[in-house]
Amino acid sequence: MKFERLAIATVVALSAAACAREPSKQLQSAETELTSAQAEARKQAAELHEKQAKEQLEAQRKPMGPSEQTELRVKQIEERAEQAAEGQRAVADAEKDVETARATMKKERANVETTAKERITKANANVAAETMKNVNAEAKKREELASAMKEFNEKRTMVEQQLSKLSQVSDADWKKAKDQLDKSLDELDDIVDRIEDIR
C-alpha cells in the first residue's frame, strides 16, 4: 500500500542523507519524513472514514438484512484496524529514524567538541614550546614572537568562544557553526605554524 512506498521512500531518503555524512541534514530529513508519515496516516484515516460513511449511507438506502449489516460492520472494523496498524507502523518507523538521527547528531556534536579541544590543547603546547625555545632570542625575534603571540591569544579566545556557544546552536544551523569553528581552528594552526617559523 501507500505506507509501504512511504517506508521505502523514508529508507532511501535516510540512506542518502547518511551517505552525505551530514548529521544535521539527516536529522532534518528524518523529522520531515516523520511529519509526512503522520500526515499520510491522518489522510488515509480520513479517506477511509469518508469511504465507509458512503458505504453506510448506501446501506441505509437499500434494504439489508441483519447478516448483511453485520458483514458490513465487520468489514469496516477490519479496514479501520488494518489502516490504523499500517499508519502506526509507518509513524513508528519514522520515529525510530528520527531517534537514530538524533543519536548521530549528538555523537557528531560530542566528536566536534572533543576534537576542537584537542586542537586547542595541541596549539597551546606548541606555542608554549616555541616560546621557551625563543626566551634568549634576539630582540627583533622576540618582538616578532610577541606580535604573533598576541594574534594567537586573540584567535584562541575567539575559538574558545565559538566552542562554548556550539552547544546552543540549533541542529538546523549546526553545519554552518561547525564549518566556522573548523575554519577558525585552521587559522589558529596557521598562526602556530608562523610562530614555529620564527627562529
Protein backbone atom coordinates (compact mmCIF):
# COMPACT_ATOMS: atom_id res chain seq x y z
CA MET A 1 0.00 0.00 0.00
CA LYS A 2 0.93 3.65 0.21
CA PHE A 3 2.57 3.16 3.61
CA GLU A 4 4.99 0.60 2.19
CA ARG A 5 6.00 3.09 -0.51
CA LEU A 6 6.35 5.76 2.17
CA ALA A 7 8.52 3.44 4.27
CA ILE A 8 10.72 2.68 1.26
CA ALA A 9 10.98 6.39 0.44
CA THR A 10 11.95 7.04 4.05
CA VAL A 11 14.70 4.43 3.97
CA VAL A 12 16.05 5.76 0.67
CA ALA A 13 15.99 9.36 1.89
CA LEU A 14 17.72 8.49 5.15
CA SER A 15 20.30 6.35 3.38
CA ALA A 16 21.13 9.21 1.04
CA ALA A 17 21.39 11.60 3.95
CA ALA A 18 23.58 9.18 5.90
CA CYS A 19 25.87 8.77 2.92
CA ALA A 20 26.26 12.52 2.78
CA ARG A 21 27.60 12.34 6.36
CA GLU A 22 25.68 15.44 7.34
CA PRO A 23 24.05 14.60 10.67
CA SER A 24 22.08 17.84 10.75
CA LYS A 25 20.63 17.19 7.30
CA GLN A 26 19.99 13.57 8.21
CA LEU A 27 18.04 14.72 11.26
CA GLN A 28 16.07 17.30 9.27
CA SER A 29 15.25 14.67 6.66
CA ALA A 30 14.13 12.18 9.32
CA GLU A 31 11.94 14.79 11.00
CA THR A 32 10.40 15.72 7.64
CA GLU A 33 9.70 12.06 6.91
CA LEU A 34 8.08 11.66 10.34
CA THR A 35 5.83 14.64 9.69
CA SER A 36 4.96 13.18 6.28
CA ALA A 37 4.20 9.76 7.77
CA GLN A 38 1.93 11.33 10.38
CA ALA A 39 0.14 13.42 7.74
CA GLU A 40 -0.23 10.41 5.45
CA ALA A 41 -1.68 8.33 8.30
CA ARG A 42 -4.24 11.06 9.06
CA LYS A 43 -5.07 11.41 5.36
CA GLN A 44 -5.55 7.66 4.96
CA ALA A 45 -7.77 7.55 8.06
CA ALA A 46 -9.88 10.44 6.74
CA GLU A 47 -10.23 8.81 3.31
CA LEU A 48 -11.25 5.51 4.88
CA HIS A 49 -13.74 7.29 7.14
CA GLU A 50 -15.26 9.05 4.13
CA LYS A 51 -15.43 5.79 2.14
CA GLN A 52 -17.08 3.96 5.00
CA ALA A 53 -19.58 6.78 5.57
CA LYS A 54 -20.60 6.48 1.91
CA GLU A 55 -20.95 2.70 2.30
CA GLN A 56 -23.17 3.15 5.36
CA LEU A 57 -25.27 5.76 3.56
CA GLU A 58 -25.69 3.40 0.64
CA ALA A 59 -26.58 0.57 3.02
CA GLN A 60 -29.34 2.71 4.51
CA ARG A 61 -30.79 3.41 1.06
CA LYS A 62 -31.18 -0.21 0.11
CA PRO A 63 -32.76 -2.82 2.29
CA MET A 64 -30.19 -5.02 4.06
CA GLY A 65 -30.75 -8.00 6.25
CA PRO A 66 -29.15 -8.33 9.69
CA SER A 67 -26.40 -10.62 8.36
CA GLU A 68 -25.51 -8.13 5.60
CA GLN A 69 -25.40 -5.27 8.13
CA THR A 70 -23.17 -7.35 10.41
CA GLU A 71 -20.95 -8.25 7.46
CA LEU A 72 -20.59 -4.56 6.52
CA ARG A 73 -19.76 -3.58 10.12
CA VAL A 74 -17.17 -6.35 10.44
CA LYS A 75 -15.60 -5.39 7.10
CA GLN A 76 -15.38 -1.75 8.14
CA ILE A 77 -13.91 -2.59 11.55
CA GLU A 78 -11.27 -4.76 9.87
CA GLU A 79 -10.46 -1.99 7.38
CA ARG A 80 -10.09 0.57 10.18
CA ALA A 81 -7.89 -1.79 12.18
CA GLU A 82 -5.69 -2.54 9.16
CA GLN A 83 -5.42 1.13 8.24
CA ALA A 84 -4.61 2.12 11.84
CA ALA A 85 -1.95 -0.60 12.11
CA GLU A 86 -0.31 0.47 8.85
CA GLY A 87 -0.34 4.11 9.90
CA GLN A 88 1.09 3.33 13.31
CA ARG A 89 3.78 1.13 11.75
CA ALA A 90 4.83 3.87 9.30
CA VAL A 91 4.89 6.51 12.04
CA ALA A 92 6.81 4.19 14.40
CA ASP A 93 9.41 3.52 11.69
CA ALA A 94 9.77 7.25 11.04
CA GLU A 95 10.06 7.94 14.80
CA LYS A 96 12.80 5.30 15.01
CA ASP A 97 14.66 7.01 12.15
CA VAL A 98 14.36 10.36 13.94
CA GLU A 99 15.77 8.88 17.16
CA THR A 100 18.66 7.32 15.22
CA ALA A 101 19.37 10.66 13.52
CA ARG A 102 19.23 12.47 16.88
CA ALA A 103 21.73 9.99 18.34
CA THR A 104 24.02 10.50 15.35
CA MET A 105 23.73 14.28 15.75
CA LYS A 106 24.53 14.05 19.46
CA LYS A 107 27.59 11.92 18.70
CA GLU A 108 28.69 14.38 15.99
CA ARG A 109 28.42 17.29 18.41
CA ALA A 110 30.48 15.46 21.05
CA ASN A 111 33.15 14.47 18.49
CA VAL A 112 33.47 18.01 17.14
CA GLU A 113 33.78 19.44 20.64
CA THR A 114 36.38 16.86 21.68
CA THR A 115 38.42 17.36 18.50
CA ALA A 116 38.31 21.14 18.85
CA LYS A 117 39.50 20.97 22.47
CA GLU A 118 42.32 18.63 21.44
CA ARG A 119 43.39 21.01 18.67
CA ILE A 120 43.40 23.98 21.08
CA THR A 121 45.43 22.00 23.62
CA LYS A 122 47.93 20.97 20.96
CA ALA A 123 48.22 24.56 19.70
CA ASN A 124 48.81 25.81 23.25
CA ALA A 125 51.50 23.18 23.81
CA ASN A 126 53.27 24.00 20.54
CA VAL A 127 53.21 27.73 21.26
CA ALA A 128 54.49 27.20 24.80
CA ALA A 129 57.36 25.08 23.46
CA GLU A 130 58.27 27.71 20.86
CA THR A 131 58.12 30.46 23.47
CA MET A 132 60.54 28.53 25.66
CA LYS A 133 62.91 27.99 22.72
CA ASN A 134 62.97 31.72 21.97
CA VAL A 135 63.49 33.01 25.52
CA ASN A 136 67.06 34.05 24.71
CA ALA A 137 66.36 35.13 21.13
CA GLU A 138 67.47 38.48 19.85
CA ALA A 139 65.18 41.49 20.33
CA LYS A 140 63.79 41.52 16.78
CA LYS A 141 62.72 37.86 17.02
CA ARG A 142 61.21 38.41 20.48
CA GLU A 143 59.21 41.32 19.05
CA GLU A 144 58.05 39.17 16.16
CA LEU A 145 57.16 36.41 18.62
CA ALA A 146 55.28 38.83 20.89
CA SER A 147 53.24 40.11 17.93
CA ALA A 148 52.44 36.57 16.79
CA MET A 149 51.59 35.56 20.39
CA LYS A 150 49.13 38.46 20.64
CA GLU A 151 47.46 37.31 17.42
CA PHE A 152 47.47 33.70 18.70
CA ASN A 153 45.85 34.67 22.02
CA GLU A 154 43.14 36.71 20.28
CA LYS A 155 42.36 33.90 17.84
CA ARG A 156 42.39 31.29 20.62
CA THR A 157 39.94 33.40 22.65
CA MET A 158 37.67 33.66 19.61
CA VAL A 159 37.86 29.89 19.01
CA GLU A 160 37.10 29.16 22.66
CA GLN A 161 34.07 31.46 22.48
CA GLN A 162 32.84 29.69 19.35
CA LEU A 163 33.35 26.36 21.09
CA SER A 164 31.46 27.45 24.21
CA LYS A 165 28.48 28.56 22.08
CA LEU A 166 28.45 25.40 19.98
CA SER A 167 26.12 23.53 22.34
CA GLN A 168 23.49 26.26 21.89
CA VAL A 169 23.50 26.04 18.10
CA SER A 170 20.31 24.57 16.65
CA ASP A 171 20.51 21.39 14.60
CA ALA A 172 19.50 23.38 11.52
CA ASP A 173 22.45 25.77 11.97
CA TRP A 174 24.91 23.07 13.03
CA LYS A 175 26.83 22.65 9.76
CA LYS A 176 27.44 26.39 9.41
CA ALA A 177 28.65 26.72 13.02
CA LYS A 178 30.84 23.61 12.71
CA ASP A 179 32.38 24.88 9.47
CA GLN A 180 33.09 28.27 11.07
CA LEU A 181 34.75 26.57 14.04
CA ASP A 182 36.86 24.38 11.73
CA LYS A 183 37.94 27.46 9.77
CA SER A 184 38.90 29.28 12.96
CA LEU A 185 40.86 26.26 14.20
CA ASP A 186 42.70 26.11 10.87
CA GLU A 187 43.55 29.81 11.21
CA LEU A 188 44.80 29.14 14.76
CA ASP A 189 47.01 26.34 13.41
CA ASP A 190 48.35 28.72 10.75
CA ILE A 191 49.36 31.18 13.45
CA VAL A 192 51.10 28.36 15.34
CA ASP A 193 52.98 27.46 12.14
CA ARG A 194 54.10 31.09 11.78
CA ILE A 195 55.27 31.12 15.41
CA GLU A 196 57.23 27.92 14.81
CA ASP A 197 58.88 29.55 11.77
CA ILE A 198 60.27 32.42 13.91
CA ARG A 199 63.82 31.28 14.50
